[in-house]
Amino acid sequence: MPIDSAHVRIRSFILNQFPLARKRAIGDGDPLLGSGILDSLGILEVVAFVEREFEITVADEDLLPESFESIASIARFVEDKRDRGAQAESR
């Protein structure tokens, strides 16, 4: 899977915002929640970042643990939201 700019921006945010992620040198598929890198407040920071950075809205029903489990899953979530938004605009 090629790494796109969304993936790179999310990775950069996580590494810059959460020192434990840097300290552990996490990979894109490594767990963020189960490892203690992200907690509930950290998830809120990530949600605010993706909403601002990618101009998407994260609804309450979107806040599923599997969507925010790793850098890769956050990137997939953002791409899915962007794709759904683009489809809705083309109708």
PDB file of N, CA and C in Angstrom:
ATOM      1  N   MET A   1       0.853  -1.180   0.000  1.00  0.00           N
ATOM      2  CA  MET A   1       0.000   0.000   0.000  1.00  0.00           C
ATOM      3  C   MET A   1       0.898   1.243   0.000  1.00  0.00           C
ATOM      4  N   PRO A   2       0.730   2.113  -0.988  1.00  0.00           N
ATOM      5  CA  PRO A   2       1.537   3.338  -1.000  1.00  0.00           C
ATOM      6  C   PRO A   2       1.096   4.271   0.124  1.00  0.00           C
ATOM      7  N   ILE A   3       2.065   4.951   0.666  1.00  0.00           N
ATOM      8  CA  ILE A   3       1.773   5.884   1.755  1.00  0.00           C
ATOM      9  C   ILE A   3       1.432   7.228   1.139  1.00  0.00           C
ATOM     10  N   ASP A   4       0.218   7.720   1.423  1.00  0.00           N
ATOM     11  CA  ASP A   4      -0.208   9.001   0.866  1.00  0.00           C
ATOM     12  C   ASP A   4       0.071  10.136   1.846  1.00  0.00           C
ATOM     13  N   SER A   5      -0.216  11.335   1.412  1.00  0.00           N
ATOM     14  CA  SER A   5       0.092  12.495   2.253  1.00  0.00           C
ATOM     15  C   SER A   5      -0.737  12.508   3.537  1.00  0.00           C
ATOM     16  N   ALA A   6      -1.972  11.994   3.497  1.00  0.00           N
ATOM     17  CA  ALA A   6      -2.788  11.932   4.713  1.00  0.00           C
ATOM     18  C   ALA A   6      -2.095  11.047   5.747  1.00  0.00           C
ATOM     19  N   HIS A   7      -1.612   9.918   5.294  1.00  0.00           N
ATOM     20  CA  HIS A   7      -0.918   8.975   6.166  1.00  0.00           C
ATOM     21  C   HIS A   7       0.306   9.644   6.798  1.00  0.00           C
ATOM     22  N   VAL A   8       1.071  10.335   5.988  1.00  0.00           N
ATOM     23  CA  VAL A   8       2.289  11.005   6.467  1.00  0.00           C
ATOM     24  C   VAL A   8       1.936  12.101   7.478  1.00  0.00           C
ATOM     25  N   ARG A   9       0.893  12.866   7.199  1.00  0.00           N
ATOM     26  CA  ARG A   9       0.501  13.950   8.111  1.00  0.00           C
ATOM     27  C   ARG A   9      -0.010  13.396   9.437  1.00  0.00           C
ATOM     28  N   ILE A  10      -0.759  12.314   9.392  1.00  0.00           N
ATOM     29  CA  ILE A  10      -1.262  11.696  10.626  1.00  0.00           C
ATOM     30  C   ILE A  10      -0.101  11.149  11.441  1.00  0.00           C
ATOM     31  N   ARG A  11       0.812  10.461  10.789  1.00  0.00           N
ATOM     32  CA  ARG A  11       1.992   9.917  11.490  1.00  0.00           C
ATOM     33  C   ARG A  11       2.793  11.038  12.143  1.00  0.00           C
ATOM     34  N   SER A  12       3.016  12.104  11.407  1.00  0.00           N
ATOM     35  CA  SER A  12       3.773  13.241  11.930  1.00  0.00           C
ATOM     36  C   SER A  12       3.076  13.841  13.155  1.00  0.00           C
ATOM     37  N   PHE A  13       1.752  13.995  13.077  1.00  0.00           N
ATOM     38  CA  PHE A  13       0.991  14.547  14.203  1.00  0.00           C
ATOM     39  C   PHE A  13       1.136  13.658  15.436  1.00  0.00           C
ATOM     40  N   ILE A  14       0.939  12.357  15.260  1.00  0.00           N
ATOM     41  CA  ILE A  14       1.018  11.419  16.387  1.00  0.00           C
ATOM     42  C   ILE A  14       2.409  11.473  17.028  1.00  0.00           C
ATOM     43  N   LEU A  15       3.442  11.449  16.205  1.00  0.00           N
ATOM     44  CA  LEU A  15       4.806  11.457  16.748  1.00  0.00           C
ATOM     45  C   LEU A  15       5.141  12.777  17.428  1.00  0.00           C
ATOM     46  N   ASN A  16       4.641  13.880  16.898  1.00  0.00           N
ATOM     47  CA  ASN A  16       4.920  15.190  17.493  1.00  0.00           C
ATOM     48  C   ASN A  16       4.094  15.459  18.746  1.00  0.00           C
ATOM     49  N   GLN A  17       2.875  14.982  18.764  1.00  0.00           N
ATOM     50  CA  GLN A  17       1.945  15.308  19.847  1.00  0.00           C
ATOM     51  C   GLN A  17       2.048  14.369  21.046  1.00  0.00           C
ATOM     52  N   PHE A  18       2.482  13.146  20.804  1.00  0.00           N
ATOM     53  CA  PHE A  18       2.483  12.130  21.859  1.00  0.00           C
ATOM     54  C   PHE A  18       3.901  11.572  22.033  1.00  0.00           C
ATOM     55  N   PRO A  19       4.632  12.087  23.015  1.00  0.00           N
ATOM     56  CA  PRO A  19       6.038  11.707  23.204  1.00  0.00           C
ATOM     57  C   PRO A  19       6.274  10.196  23.338  1.00  0.00           C
ATOM     58  N   LEU A  20       5.320   9.487  23.922  1.00  0.00           N
ATOM     59  CA  LEU A  20       5.485   8.045  24.087  1.00  0.00           C
ATOM     60  C   LEU A  20       5.562   7.344  22.727  1.00  0.00           C
ATOM     61  N   ALA A  21       4.871   7.878  21.729  1.00  0.00           N
ATOM     62  CA  ALA A  21       4.925   7.299  20.377  1.00  0.00           C
ATOM     63  C   ALA A  21       6.338   7.412  19.816  1.00  0.00           C
ATOM     64  N   ARG A  22       6.979   8.547  20.048  1.00  0.00           N
ATOM     65  CA  ARG A  22       8.369   8.739  19.605  1.00  0.00           C
ATOM     66  C   ARG A  22       9.308   7.823  20.371  1.00  0.00           C
ATOM     67  N   LYS A  23       9.121   7.783  21.671  1.00  0.00           N
ATOM     68  CA  LYS A  23       9.997   6.991  22.534  1.00  0.00           C
ATOM     69  C   LYS A  23       9.970   5.518  22.139  1.00  0.00           C
ATOM     70  N   ARG A  24       8.803   5.025  21.787  1.00  0.00           N
ATOM     71  CA  ARG A  24       8.654   3.607  21.425  1.00  0.00           C
ATOM     72  C   ARG A  24       8.918   3.352  19.942  1.00  0.00           C
ATOM     73  N   ALA A  25       9.140   4.403  19.171  1.00  0.00           N
ATOM     74  CA  ALA A  25       9.377   4.273  17.723  1.00  0.00           C
ATOM     75  C   ALA A  25       8.306   3.389  17.081  1.00  0.00           C
ATOM     76  N   ILE A  26       7.057   3.772  17.259  1.00  0.00           N
ATOM     77  CA  ILE A  26       5.939   2.956  16.796  1.00  0.00           C
ATOM     78  C   ILE A  26       5.891   2.851  15.281  1.00  0.00           C
ATOM     79  N   GLY A  27       5.385   1.723  14.835  1.00  0.00           N
ATOM     80  CA  GLY A  27       5.135   1.509  13.412  1.00  0.00           C
ATOM     81  C   GLY A  27       3.699   1.889  13.089  1.00  0.00           C
ATOM     82  N   ASP A  28       3.391   1.945  11.816  1.00  0.00           N
ATOM     83  CA  ASP A  28       2.066   2.390  11.397  1.00  0.00           C
ATOM     84  C   ASP A  28       0.942   1.453  11.823  1.00  0.00           C
ATOM     85  N   GLY A  29       1.238   0.186  12.050  1.00  0.00           N
ATOM     86  CA  GLY A  29       0.215  -0.760  12.467  1.00  0.00           C
ATOM     87  C   GLY A  29       0.211  -1.048  13.951  1.00  0.00           C
ATOM     88  N   ASP A  30       1.128  -0.443  14.684  1.00  0.00           N
ATOM     89  CA  ASP A  30       1.212  -0.692  16.125  1.00  0.00           C
ATOM     90  C   ASP A  30       0.020  -0.079  16.863  1.00  0.00           C
ATOM     91  N   PRO A  31      -0.465  -0.763  17.902  1.00  0.00           N
ATOM     92  CA  PRO A  31      -1.629  -0.257  18.639  1.00  0.00           C
ATOM     93  C   PRO A  31      -1.315   1.033  19.399  1.00  0.00           C
ATOM     94  N   LEU A  32      -2.212   1.991  19.269  1.00  0.00           N
ATOM     95  CA  LEU A  32      -2.077   3.257  19.985  1.00  0.00           C
ATOM     96  C   LEU A  32      -2.891   3.243  21.272  1.00  0.00           C
ATOM     97  N   LEU A  33      -4.042   2.602  21.229  1.00  0.00           N
ATOM     98  CA  LEU A  33      -4.929   2.582  22.397  1.00  0.00           C
ATOM     99  C   LEU A  33      -4.457   1.578  23.444  1.00  0.00           C
ATOM    100  N   GLY A  34      -4.274   0.345  23.039  1.00  0.00           N
ATOM    101  CA  GLY A  34      -3.889  -0.705  23.973  1.00  0.00           C
ATOM    102  C   GLY A  34      -2.512  -0.497  24.580  1.00  0.00           C
ATOM    103  N   SER A  35      -1.660   0.250  23.902  1.00  0.00           N
ATOM    104  CA  SER A  35      -0.298   0.467  24.389  1.00  0.00           C
ATOM    105  C   SER A  35      -0.196   1.663  25.327  1.00  0.00           C
ATOM    106  N   GLY A  36      -1.280   2.413  25.455  1.00  0.00           N
ATOM    107  CA  GLY A  36      -1.261   3.579  26.327  1.00  0.00           C
ATOM    108  C   GLY A  36      -0.735   4.847  25.675  1.00  0.00           C
ATOM    109  N   ILE A  37      -0.412   4.786  24.399  1.00  0.00           N
ATOM    110  CA  ILE A  37       0.046   5.996  23.697  1.00  0.00           C
ATOM    111  C   ILE A  37      -1.104   6.987  23.601  1.00  0.00           C
ATOM    112  N   LEU A  38      -2.287   6.479  23.277  1.00  0.00           N
ATOM    113  CA  LEU A  38      -3.485   7.327  23.249  1.00  0.00           C
ATOM    114  C   LEU A  38      -4.441   6.883  24.347  1.00  0.00           C
ATOM    115  N   ASP A  39      -5.033   7.860  25.017  1.00  0.00           N
ATOM    116  CA  ASP A  39      -6.131   7.609  25.944  1.00  0.00           C
ATOM    117  C   ASP A  39      -7.339   8.374  25.397  1.00  0.00           C
ATOM    118  N   SER A  40      -8.387   8.511  26.185  1.00  0.00           N
ATOM    119  CA  SER A  40      -9.596   9.168  25.678  1.00  0.00           C
ATOM    120  C   SER A  40      -9.329  10.628  25.295  1.00  0.00           C
ATOM    121  N   LEU A  41      -8.518  11.320  26.060  1.00  0.00           N
ATOM    122  CA  LEU A  41      -8.181  12.706  25.696  1.00  0.00           C
ATOM    123  C   LEU A  41      -7.319  12.753  24.440  1.00  0.00           C
ATOM    124  N   GLY A  42      -6.439  11.791  24.299  1.00  0.00           N
ATOM    125  CA  GLY A  42      -5.618  11.708  23.100  1.00  0.00           C
ATOM    126  C   GLY A  42      -6.460  11.478  21.861  1.00  0.00           C
ATOM    127  N   ILE A  43      -7.476  10.633  21.992  1.00  0.00           N
ATOM    128  CA  ILE A  43      -8.388  10.401  20.862  1.00  0.00           C
ATOM    129  C   ILE A  43      -9.064  11.702  20.469  1.00  0.00           C
ATOM    130  N   LEU A  44      -9.499  12.485  21.457  1.00  0.00           N
ATOM    131  CA  LEU A  44     -10.130  13.772  21.150  1.00  0.00           C
ATOM    132  C   LEU A  44      -9.173  14.702  20.420  1.00  0.00           C
ATOM    133  N   GLU A  45      -7.903  14.684  20.797  1.00  0.00           N
ATOM    134  CA  GLU A  45      -6.899  15.487  20.096  1.00  0.00           C
ATOM    135  C   GLU A  45      -6.739  15.023  18.650  1.00  0.00           C
ATOM    136  N   VAL A  46      -6.718  13.715  18.447  1.00  0.00           N
ATOM    137  CA  VAL A  46      -6.591  13.170  17.094  1.00  0.00           C
ATOM    138  C   VAL A  46      -7.823  13.533  16.268  1.00  0.00           C
ATOM    139  N   VAL A  47      -9.009  13.412  16.858  1.00  0.00           N
ATOM    140  CA  VAL A  47     -10.249  13.754  16.153  1.00  0.00           C
ATOM    141  C   VAL A  47     -10.227  15.229  15.744  1.00  0.00           C
ATOM    142  N   ALA A  48      -9.856  16.103  16.660  1.00  0.00           N
ATOM    143  CA  ALA A  48      -9.785  17.532  16.339  1.00  0.00           C
ATOM    144  C   ALA A  48      -8.785  17.780  15.215  1.00  0.00           C
ATOM    145  N   PHE A  49      -7.658  17.087  15.251  1.00  0.00           N
ATOM    146  CA  PHE A  49      -6.643  17.231  14.205  1.00  0.00           C
ATOM    147  C   PHE A  49      -7.190  16.796  12.848  1.00  0.00           C
ATOM    148  N   VAL A  50      -7.788  15.603  12.770  1.00  0.00           N
ATOM    149  CA  VAL A  50      -8.246  15.133  11.459  1.00  0.00           C
ATOM    150  C   VAL A  50      -9.390  15.992  10.929  1.00  0.00           C
ATOM    151  N   GLU A  51     -10.247  16.471  11.809  1.00  0.00           N
ATOM    152  CA  GLU A  51     -11.323  17.363  11.347  1.00  0.00           C
ATOM    153  C   GLU A  51     -10.742  18.649  10.756  1.00  0.00           C
ATOM    154  N   ARG A  52      -9.792  19.214  11.443  1.00  0.00           N
ATOM    155  CA  ARG A  52      -9.168  20.465  10.999  1.00  0.00           C
ATOM    156  C   ARG A  52      -8.294  20.241   9.755  1.00  0.00           C
ATOM    157  N   GLU A  53      -7.459  19.253   9.817  1.00  0.00           N
ATOM    158  CA  GLU A  53      -6.453  19.022   8.777  1.00  0.00           C
ATOM    159  C   GLU A  53      -7.063  18.538   7.458  1.00  0.00           C
ATOM    160  N   PHE A  54      -8.096  17.704   7.547  1.00  0.00           N
ATOM    161  CA  PHE A  54      -8.652  17.076   6.354  1.00  0.00           C
ATOM    162  C   PHE A  54     -10.058  17.576   6.016  1.00  0.00           C
ATOM    163  N   GLU A  55     -10.529  18.552   6.783  1.00  0.00           N
ATOM    164  CA  GLU A  55     -11.832  19.178   6.551  1.00  0.00           C
ATOM    165  C   GLU A  55     -12.946  18.135   6.449  1.00  0.00           C
ATOM    166  N   ILE A  56     -12.968  17.254   7.449  1.00  0.00           N
ATOM    167  CA  ILE A  56     -14.029  16.260   7.556  1.00  0.00           C
ATOM    168  C   ILE A  56     -14.698  16.430   8.908  1.00  0.00           C
ATOM    169  N   THR A  57     -15.879  15.856   9.047  1.00  0.00           N
ATOM    170  CA  THR A  57     -16.589  15.864  10.323  1.00  0.00           C
ATOM    171  C   THR A  57     -16.610  14.443  10.868  1.00  0.00           C
ATOM    172  N   VAL A  58     -16.211  14.306  12.099  1.00  0.00           N
ATOM    173  CA  VAL A  58     -16.235  13.007  12.768  1.00  0.00           C
ATOM    174  C   VAL A  58     -17.448  13.004  13.691  1.00  0.00           C
ATOM    175  N   ALA A  59     -18.450  12.219  13.312  1.00  0.00           N
ATOM    176  CA  ALA A  59     -19.674  12.121  14.103  1.00  0.00           C
ATOM    177  C   ALA A  59     -19.472  11.159  15.266  1.00  0.00           C
ATOM    178  N   ASP A  60     -20.341  11.250  16.251  1.00  0.00           N
ATOM    179  CA  ASP A  60     -20.249  10.363  17.415  1.00  0.00           C
ATOM    180  C   ASP A  60     -20.209   8.890  17.003  1.00  0.00           C
ATOM    181  N   GLU A  61     -21.020   8.527  16.005  1.00  0.00           N
ATOM    182  CA  GLU A  61     -21.062   7.121  15.582  1.00  0.00           C
ATOM    183  C   GLU A  61     -19.780   6.688  14.862  1.00  0.00           C
ATOM    184  N   ASP A  62     -18.942   7.652  14.485  1.00  0.00           N
ATOM    185  CA  ASP A  62     -17.649   7.342  13.863  1.00  0.00           C
ATOM    186  C   ASP A  62     -16.572   7.006  14.891  1.00  0.00           C
ATOM    187  N   LEU A  63     -16.828   7.299  16.148  1.00  0.00           N
ATOM    188  CA  LEU A  63     -15.814   7.127  17.192  1.00  0.00           C
ATOM    189  C   LEU A  63     -15.737   5.669  17.653  1.00  0.00           C
ATOM    190  N   LEU A  64     -15.264   4.826  16.760  1.00  0.00           N
ATOM    191  CA  LEU A  64     -15.111   3.412  17.055  1.00  0.00           C
ATOM    192  C   LEU A  64     -13.637   3.122  17.346  1.00  0.00           C
ATOM    193  N   PRO A  65     -13.355   2.310  18.358  1.00  0.00           N
ATOM    194  CA  PRO A  65     -11.957   2.031  18.700  1.00  0.00           C
ATOM    195  C   PRO A  65     -11.135   1.540  17.512  1.00  0.00           C
ATOM    196  N   GLU A  66     -11.728   0.698  16.662  1.00  0.00           N
ATOM    197  CA  GLU A  66     -10.967   0.155  15.536  1.00  0.00           C
ATOM    198  C   GLU A  66     -10.557   1.228  14.521  1.00  0.00           C
ATOM    199  N   SER A  67     -11.270   2.346  14.487  1.00  0.00           N
ATOM    200  CA  SER A  67     -10.910   3.428  13.566  1.00  0.00           C
ATOM    201  C   SER A  67      -9.698   4.216  14.044  1.00  0.00           C
ATOM    202  N   PHE A  68      -9.391   4.114  15.329  1.00  0.00           N
ATOM    203  CA  PHE A  68      -8.314   4.906  15.914  1.00  0.00           C
ATOM    204  C   PHE A  68      -7.263   4.024  16.599  1.00  0.00           C
ATOM    205  N   GLU A  69      -7.225   2.757  16.223  1.00  0.00           N
ATOM    206  CA  GLU A  69      -6.328   1.797  16.866  1.00  0.00           C
ATOM    207  C   GLU A  69      -4.868   2.001  16.493  1.00  0.00           C
ATOM    208  N   SER A  70      -4.609   2.461  15.274  1.00  0.00           N
ATOM    209  CA  SER A  70      -3.226   2.619  14.806  1.00  0.00           C
ATOM    210  C   SER A  70      -3.162   3.784  13.823  1.00  0.00           C
ATOM    211  N   ILE A  71      -1.959   4.180  13.474  1.00  0.00           N
ATOM    212  CA  ILE A  71      -1.796   5.231  12.470  1.00  0.00           C
ATOM    213  C   ILE A  71      -2.436   4.785  11.162  1.00  0.00           C
ATOM    214  N   ALA A  72      -2.224   3.527  10.785  1.00  0.00           N
ATOM    215  CA  ALA A  72      -2.795   3.003   9.541  1.00  0.00           C
ATOM    216  C   ALA A  72      -4.323   3.026   9.570  1.00  0.00           C
ATOM    217  N   SER A  73      -4.923   2.667  10.705  1.00  0.00           N
ATOM    218  CA  SER A  73      -6.391   2.653  10.773  1.00  0.00           C
ATOM    219  C   SER A  73      -6.963   4.074  10.757  1.00  0.00           C
ATOM    220  N   ILE A  74      -6.268   5.021  11.344  1.00  0.00           N
ATOM    221  CA  ILE A  74      -6.715   6.422  11.292  1.00  0.00           C
ATOM    222  C   ILE A  74      -6.644   6.925   9.854  1.00  0.00           C
ATOM    223  N   ALA A  75      -5.569   6.594   9.159  1.00  0.00           N
ATOM    224  CA  ALA A  75      -5.426   7.009   7.755  1.00  0.00           C
ATOM    225  C   ALA A  75      -6.539   6.401   6.900  1.00  0.00           C
ATOM    226  N   ARG A  76      -6.854   5.116   7.117  1.00  0.00           N
ATOM    227  CA  ARG A  76      -7.963   4.475   6.379  1.00  0.00           C
ATOM    228  C   ARG A  76      -9.281   5.173   6.683  1.00  0.00           C
ATOM    229  N   PHE A  77      -9.510   5.477   7.957  1.00  0.00           N
ATOM    230  CA  PHE A  77     -10.735   6.162   8.368  1.00  0.00           C
ATOM    231  C   PHE A  77     -10.860   7.501   7.645  1.00  0.00           C
ATOM    232  N   VAL A  78      -9.778   8.288   7.632  1.00  0.00           N
ATOM    233  CA  VAL A  78      -9.792   9.605   6.969  1.00  0.00           C
ATOM    234  C   VAL A  78     -10.077   9.437   5.481  1.00  0.00           C
ATOM    235  N   GLU A  79      -9.414   8.489   4.838  1.00  0.00           N
ATOM    236  CA  GLU A  79      -9.634   8.269   3.405  1.00  0.00           C
ATOM    237  C   GLU A  79     -11.074   7.851   3.133  1.00  0.00           C
ATOM    238  N   ASP A  80     -11.620   6.971   3.968  1.00  0.00           N
ATOM    239  CA  ASP A  80     -13.016   6.547   3.802  1.00  0.00           C
ATOM    240  C   ASP A  80     -13.965   7.733   3.942  1.00  0.00           C
ATOM    241  N   LYS A  81     -13.733   8.578   4.947  1.00  0.00           N
ATOM    242  CA  LYS A  81     -14.585   9.761   5.158  1.00  0.00           C
ATOM    243  C   LYS A  81     -14.471  10.713   3.968  1.00  0.00           C
ATOM    244  N   ARG A  82     -13.269  10.909   3.469  1.00  0.00           N
ATOM    245  CA  ARG A  82     -13.081  11.802   2.327  1.00  0.00           C
ATOM    246  C   ARG A  82     -13.762  11.231   1.088  1.00  0.00           C
ATOM    247  N   ASP A  83     -13.640   9.923   0.892  1.00  0.00           N
ATOM    248  CA  ASP A  83     -14.283   9.281  -0.264  1.00  0.00           C
ATOM    249  C   ASP A  83     -15.797   9.407  -0.178  1.00  0.00           C
ATOM    250  N   ARG A  84     -16.349   9.159   1.015  1.00  0.00           N
ATOM    251  CA  ARG A  84     -17.809   9.286   1.181  1.00  0.00           C
ATOM    252  C   ARG A  84     -18.261  10.715   0.970  1.00  0.00           C
ATOM    253  N   GLY A  85     -17.475  11.681   1.419  1.00  0.00           N
ATOM    254  CA  GLY A  85     -17.799  13.085   1.207  1.00  0.00           C
ATOM    255  C   GLY A  85     -17.765  13.460  -0.255  1.00  0.00           C
ATOM    256  N   ALA A  86     -16.794  12.949  -0.980  1.00  0.00           N
ATOM    257  CA  ALA A  86     -16.681  13.230  -2.416  1.00  0.00           C
ATOM    258  C   ALA A  86     -17.841  12.592  -3.177  1.00  0.00           C
ATOM    259  N   GLN A  87     -18.248  11.400  -2.761  1.00  0.00           N
ATOM    260  CA  GLN A  87     -19.390  10.743  -3.407  1.00  0.00           C
ATOM    261  C   GLN A  87     -20.671  11.522  -3.154  1.00  0.00           C
ATOM    262  N   ALA A  88     -20.848  12.017  -1.936  1.00  0.00           N
ATOM    263  CA  ALA A  88     -22.052  12.767  -1.611  1.00  0.00           C
ATOM    264  C   ALA A  88     -22.108  14.075  -2.405  1.00  0.00           C
ATOM    265  N   GLU A  89     -20.948  14.714  -2.605  1.00  0.00           N
ATOM    266  CA  GLU A  89     -20.910  15.966  -3.357  1.00  0.00           C
ATOM    267  C   GLU A  89     -21.199  15.756  -4.834  1.00  0.00           C
ATOM    268  N   SER A  90     -20.867  14.574  -5.369  1.00  0.00           N
ATOM    269  CA  SER A  90     -21.066  14.334  -6.790  1.00  0.00           C
ATOM    270  C   SER A  90     -22.497  13.948  -7.135  1.00  0.00           C
ATOM    271  N   ARG A  91     -23.325  13.783  -6.138  1.00  0.00           N
ATOM    272  CA  ARG A  91     -24.742  13.429  -6.393  1.00  0.00           C
ATOM    273  C   ARG A  91     -25.572  14.639  -6.682  1.00  0.00           C
TER     274      ARG A  91
END
